[in-house]
């Protein structure tokens, strides 16, 4: 949602050429942000999770 607002503030003064282009850019930005979030933030917590797991034995 934040990207949509920022993107429309940047593009609107120049005119929107195509709605599909707008959706493609927003979708691409979402994918890139999720990849960066996983690589630089979530991976560290997933590694920590294995250290604090309780292992149940029979």
Protein backbone atom coordinates (compact mmCIF):
# COMPACT_ATOMS: atom_id res chain seq x y z
CA UNK A 1 0.00 0.00 0.00
CA UNK A 2 2.81 2.38 0.86
CA UNK A 3 4.49 1.65 -2.47
CA UNK A 4 1.26 2.40 -4.31
CA UNK A 5 0.99 5.80 -2.67
CA UNK A 6 4.64 6.68 -3.31
CA UNK A 7 4.49 5.41 -6.88
CA UNK A 8 1.34 7.40 -7.70
CA UNK A 9 2.90 10.56 -6.24
CA UNK A 10 5.89 10.13 -8.54
CA UNK A 11 4.05 9.03 -11.71
CA UNK A 12 0.82 11.07 -11.53
CA UNK A 13 2.39 14.43 -12.46
CA UNK A 14 3.67 12.83 -15.69
CA UNK A 15 0.41 11.05 -16.53
CA UNK A 16 -0.34 7.35 -16.25
CA UNK A 17 0.43 5.72 -19.62
CA UNK A 18 -1.04 2.30 -18.86
CA UNK A 19 -2.71 0.71 -15.83
CA UNK A 20 -1.06 -2.65 -16.55
CA UNK A 21 2.36 -0.99 -16.44
CA UNK A 22 1.46 0.47 -13.03
CA UNK A 23 0.37 -2.94 -11.72
CA UNK A 24 3.49 -4.60 -13.13
CA UNK A 25 5.76 -2.08 -11.39
CA UNK A 26 3.94 -2.47 -8.06
CA UNK A 27 4.03 -6.26 -8.30
CA UNK A 28 7.75 -6.19 -9.13
CA UNK A 29 8.49 -3.88 -6.21
CA UNK A 30 6.55 -6.19 -3.88
CA UNK A 31 8.54 -9.24 -5.00
CA UNK A 32 11.87 -7.42 -4.66
CA UNK A 33 10.97 -6.13 -1.20
CA UNK A 34 9.94 -9.59 -0.02
CA UNK A 35 13.20 -11.12 -1.27
CA UNK A 36 15.26 -8.42 0.46
CA UNK A 37 13.26 -8.83 3.66
CA UNK A 38 13.85 -12.58 3.67
CA UNK A 39 17.56 -12.32 2.91
CA UNK A 40 18.47 -9.57 5.36
CA UNK A 41 15.91 -9.92 8.15
CA UNK A 42 13.99 -13.19 8.32
CA UNK A 43 16.90 -15.59 7.70
CA UNK A 44 18.59 -14.48 10.92
CA UNK A 45 15.50 -15.25 12.97
CA UNK A 46 15.04 -18.61 11.30
CA UNK A 47 18.61 -19.54 12.24
CA UNK A 48 17.96 -18.47 15.83
CA UNK A 49 14.78 -20.55 15.87
CA UNK A 50 16.75 -23.77 15.45
CA UNK A 51 18.86 -22.95 18.50
CA UNK A 52 15.86 -22.57 20.77
CA UNK A 53 13.77 -25.49 19.54
CA UNK A 54 12.69 -28.12 22.03
CA UNK A 55 13.49 -31.59 20.72
CA UNK A 56 10.98 -34.18 21.89
CA UNK A 57 12.23 -37.74 22.21
CA UNK A 58 10.15 -40.86 22.60
